[in-house]
Amino acid sequence: RLVSSSGVTVSANTGLLQMNVAGVWKYVCDDDFDGNNNGANVACRELGYASGAHSHGTAPVDSFYDNVACTGTESRLVNCPRAAGED
């Protein structure tokens, strides 16, 4: 889902990206998103958009789904490679 900087779900096509991991909404950390928008494209397709673009935002200190490194072929963010032990 996309949320505002205060954590409120937005209906627009821009915002901070969160995903539900075991019942907990976590901000998706984009440190490993690449310049080809692979991570953004996977996330946006999962949200129902044809493609996406990555931009930097600042999420509050909270729970993060970290080190997401999509290749662009994944159908869902949860299928993107990540560093071992991350959740």
Protein backbone atom coordinates (compact mmCIF):
# COMPACT_ATOMS: atom_id res chain seq x y z
CA ARG A 1 0.00 0.00 0.00
CA LEU A 2 1.00 3.62 -0.38
CA VAL A 3 0.84 5.88 2.65
CA SER A 4 1.52 9.51 3.49
CA SER A 5 4.46 10.47 5.69
CA SER A 6 2.06 10.26 8.66
CA GLY A 7 1.14 6.66 7.80
CA VAL A 8 -2.33 7.33 6.40
CA THR A 9 -3.27 5.25 3.33
CA VAL A 10 -3.43 7.45 0.23
CA SER A 11 -5.60 7.03 -2.86
CA ALA A 12 -3.12 8.79 -5.15
CA ASN A 13 -0.43 6.98 -7.08
CA THR A 14 2.43 8.37 -5.01
CA GLY A 15 3.50 7.86 -1.43
CA LEU A 16 5.67 5.81 0.88
CA LEU A 17 5.54 2.10 0.17
CA GLN A 18 4.48 -0.38 2.85
CA MET A 19 3.87 -4.12 2.68
CA ASN A 20 2.14 -6.45 5.08
CA VAL A 21 4.57 -8.97 6.57
CA ALA A 22 2.98 -11.54 8.88
CA GLY A 23 0.17 -9.11 9.78
CA VAL A 24 2.47 -6.10 10.39
CA TRP A 25 2.69 -3.16 7.96
CA LYS A 26 6.36 -2.42 7.26
CA TYR A 27 7.96 0.34 5.20
CA VAL A 28 9.86 -1.03 2.21
CA CYS A 29 13.46 0.14 2.33
CA ASP A 30 14.64 1.10 -1.16
CA ASP A 31 18.40 1.11 -0.50
CA ASP A 32 18.86 -1.74 -2.98
CA PHE A 33 16.41 -0.49 -5.62
CA ASP A 34 18.43 0.18 -8.75
CA GLY A 35 18.49 2.95 -11.34
CA ASN A 36 16.40 0.83 -13.72
CA ASN A 37 13.36 1.13 -11.43
CA ASN A 38 13.19 -2.66 -11.05
CA GLY A 39 11.96 -2.47 -7.45
CA ALA A 40 9.55 0.37 -8.19
CA ASN A 41 8.17 -1.47 -11.21
CA VAL A 42 7.55 -4.65 -9.20
CA ALA A 43 5.86 -2.68 -6.42
CA CYS A 44 3.72 -0.64 -8.80
CA ARG A 45 2.64 -3.68 -10.82
CA GLU A 46 1.63 -5.38 -7.58
CA LEU A 47 -0.46 -2.30 -6.73
CA GLY A 48 -2.17 -2.43 -10.14
CA TYR A 49 -0.13 0.15 -12.07
CA ALA A 50 1.60 -0.62 -15.39
CA SER A 51 4.99 0.61 -14.17
CA GLY A 52 6.56 2.91 -11.64
CA ALA A 53 9.35 5.26 -10.79
CA HIS A 54 11.50 5.41 -7.71
CA SER A 55 11.95 8.56 -5.70
CA HIS A 56 13.38 9.14 -2.28
CA GLY A 57 11.12 9.78 0.66
CA THR A 58 11.61 9.74 4.39
CA ALA A 59 9.70 7.19 6.41
CA PRO A 60 9.32 7.56 10.14
CA VAL A 61 11.55 5.38 12.30
CA ASP A 62 9.43 2.30 12.36
CA SER A 63 9.39 -1.28 11.20
CA PHE A 64 11.14 -1.82 7.84
CA TYR A 65 11.15 -4.56 5.21
CA ASP A 66 14.79 -4.04 4.38
CA ASN A 67 17.36 -4.79 1.65
CA VAL A 68 14.86 -5.50 -1.13
CA ALA A 69 16.78 -6.03 -4.39
CA CYS A 70 14.33 -6.80 -7.21
CA THR A 71 15.50 -7.88 -10.65
CA GLY A 72 12.26 -6.65 -12.22
CA THR A 73 10.92 -10.08 -13.18
CA GLU A 74 9.23 -10.77 -9.84
CA SER A 75 5.44 -10.59 -9.63
CA ARG A 76 5.45 -9.49 -5.97
CA LEU A 77 7.86 -7.68 -3.64
CA VAL A 78 7.91 -10.68 -1.33
CA ASN A 79 9.54 -12.64 -4.18
CA CYS A 80 12.44 -10.18 -4.53
CA PRO A 81 15.83 -11.29 -3.20
CA ARG A 82 16.87 -9.91 0.19
CA ALA A 83 19.77 -10.23 2.57
CA ALA A 84 19.60 -13.35 4.75
CA GLY A 85 17.99 -12.83 8.13
CA GLU A 86 16.05 -9.71 7.14
CA ASP A 87 12.33 -9.45 7.90
